[in-house]
Amino acid sequence: MAIKLIDRKENISYKGSIYELTLLWDRESVRKCFCGMPPFFAHIRKDGANFATIDCYSNDNERFVVKKFMPSLLARPDWQVRFDRDINTIPLLELLAGLPI
């Protein structure tokens, strides 16, 4: 079952830093794909700098993964956290509380 595609752009202050969640779907590409597409943008910024990337797909409402942003594609992230929920049902504050911050 596909998730409801909700664009999110939220800011919150948490543990003395400002975190910004951006989740933007490319609906045109999603319509053309039969197997689910990742969002166009899905990341979290901390105090204006890249902090984490989010892996999720338009056809999966049961899980998503947040992993530390790594500037190189060859580097492995220091941490990654799996959430067993639809990304649109979890508030940003709760998502941040589940990360190793």
Protein backbone atom coordinates (compact mmCIF):
# COMPACT_ATOMS: atom_id res chain seq x y z
CA MET A 1 0.00 0.00 0.00
CA ALA A 2 1.39 3.39 -0.99
CA ILE A 3 1.90 6.17 1.52
CA LYS A 4 0.08 9.44 1.17
CA LEU A 5 2.59 11.78 -0.44
CA ILE A 6 2.87 14.74 1.91
CA ASP A 7 5.53 17.39 1.37
CA ARG A 8 7.06 18.45 4.69
CA LYS A 9 9.21 21.44 5.53
CA GLU A 10 9.51 21.86 9.29
CA ASN A 11 11.87 23.64 11.69
CA ILE A 12 12.31 22.90 15.36
CA SER A 13 14.72 23.79 18.14
CA TYR A 14 16.08 20.67 19.85
CA LYS A 15 18.92 20.42 22.37
CA GLY A 16 20.18 23.91 21.55
CA SER A 17 20.25 23.49 17.76
CA ILE A 18 17.82 24.29 14.97
CA TYR A 19 16.82 21.24 12.91
CA GLU A 20 15.04 21.47 9.56
CA LEU A 21 13.25 18.52 7.96
CA THR A 22 12.67 18.68 4.21
CA LEU A 23 10.64 16.02 2.40
CA LEU A 24 9.57 16.90 -1.14
CA TRP A 25 8.05 14.41 -3.59
CA ASP A 26 8.41 14.59 -7.38
CA ARG A 27 4.85 13.57 -8.16
CA GLU A 28 5.37 13.46 -11.92
CA SER A 29 8.12 10.84 -11.63
CA VAL A 30 6.13 8.86 -9.05
CA ARG A 31 3.21 8.60 -11.50
CA LYS A 32 5.50 7.13 -14.15
CA CYS A 33 7.08 4.52 -11.88
CA PHE A 34 5.40 1.20 -11.12
CA CYS A 35 7.59 0.16 -8.19
CA GLY A 36 7.76 3.22 -5.90
CA MET A 37 10.10 6.18 -6.01
CA PRO A 38 12.24 7.94 -3.41
CA PRO A 39 11.41 11.57 -2.69
CA PHE A 40 13.07 14.35 -4.68
CA PHE A 41 14.53 15.77 -1.41
CA ALA A 42 14.57 13.99 1.96
CA HIS A 43 17.02 15.27 4.52
CA ILE A 44 17.54 16.92 7.89
CA ARG A 45 19.76 19.96 8.38
CA LYS A 46 21.24 21.04 11.71
CA ASP A 47 22.02 24.74 12.19
CA GLY A 48 22.03 25.19 8.40
CA ALA A 49 24.43 22.32 7.62
CA ASN A 50 23.62 18.87 6.22
CA PHE A 51 23.01 16.47 9.11
CA ALA A 52 21.17 13.37 7.89
CA THR A 53 19.59 11.81 4.81
CA ILE A 54 16.29 9.93 4.78
CA ASP A 55 15.62 6.80 2.72
CA CYS A 56 11.95 6.18 2.03
CA TYR A 57 9.79 5.22 -0.94
CA SER A 58 6.36 6.21 -2.22
CA ASN A 59 5.05 2.64 -2.01
CA ASP A 60 6.22 1.82 1.52
CA ASN A 61 4.28 3.03 4.55
CA GLU A 62 5.88 0.73 7.10
CA ARG A 63 9.45 2.00 7.44
CA PHE A 64 12.08 4.59 6.67
CA VAL A 65 15.76 4.97 7.52
CA VAL A 66 17.60 8.06 8.70
CA LYS A 67 21.38 8.00 8.36
CA LYS A 68 24.12 10.48 9.10
CA PHE A 69 25.02 12.64 6.13
CA MET A 70 28.36 11.69 4.61
CA PRO A 71 29.92 14.07 2.06
CA SER A 72 31.38 11.17 0.06
CA LEU A 73 29.33 8.42 -1.58
CA LEU A 74 32.12 5.98 -0.78
CA ALA A 75 32.07 6.61 2.98
CA ARG A 76 29.81 4.62 5.29
CA PRO A 77 27.60 6.63 7.67
CA ASP A 78 28.59 6.62 11.34
CA TRP A 79 25.02 5.72 12.30
CA GLN A 80 21.67 4.89 10.81
CA VAL A 81 18.30 4.44 12.51
CA ARG A 82 15.32 2.53 11.14
CA PHE A 83 11.79 3.67 12.00
CA ASP A 84 8.93 1.21 11.55
CA ARG A 85 6.30 3.84 10.75
CA ASP A 86 5.10 5.99 7.89
CA ILE A 87 7.35 9.07 7.71
CA ASN A 88 4.28 11.32 7.61
CA THR A 89 2.90 10.03 10.92
CA ILE A 90 5.95 10.76 13.06
CA PRO A 91 6.40 14.33 14.37
CA LEU A 92 9.81 15.91 13.81
CA LEU A 93 10.50 16.17 17.56
CA GLU A 94 9.84 12.44 18.02
CA LEU A 95 12.01 11.62 15.01
CA LEU A 96 14.90 13.66 16.42
CA ALA A 97 14.50 12.03 19.84
CA GLY A 98 15.08 8.65 18.17
CA LEU A 99 18.39 9.72 16.60
CA PRO A 100 21.81 9.60 18.30
CA ILE A 101 22.06 13.35 18.88
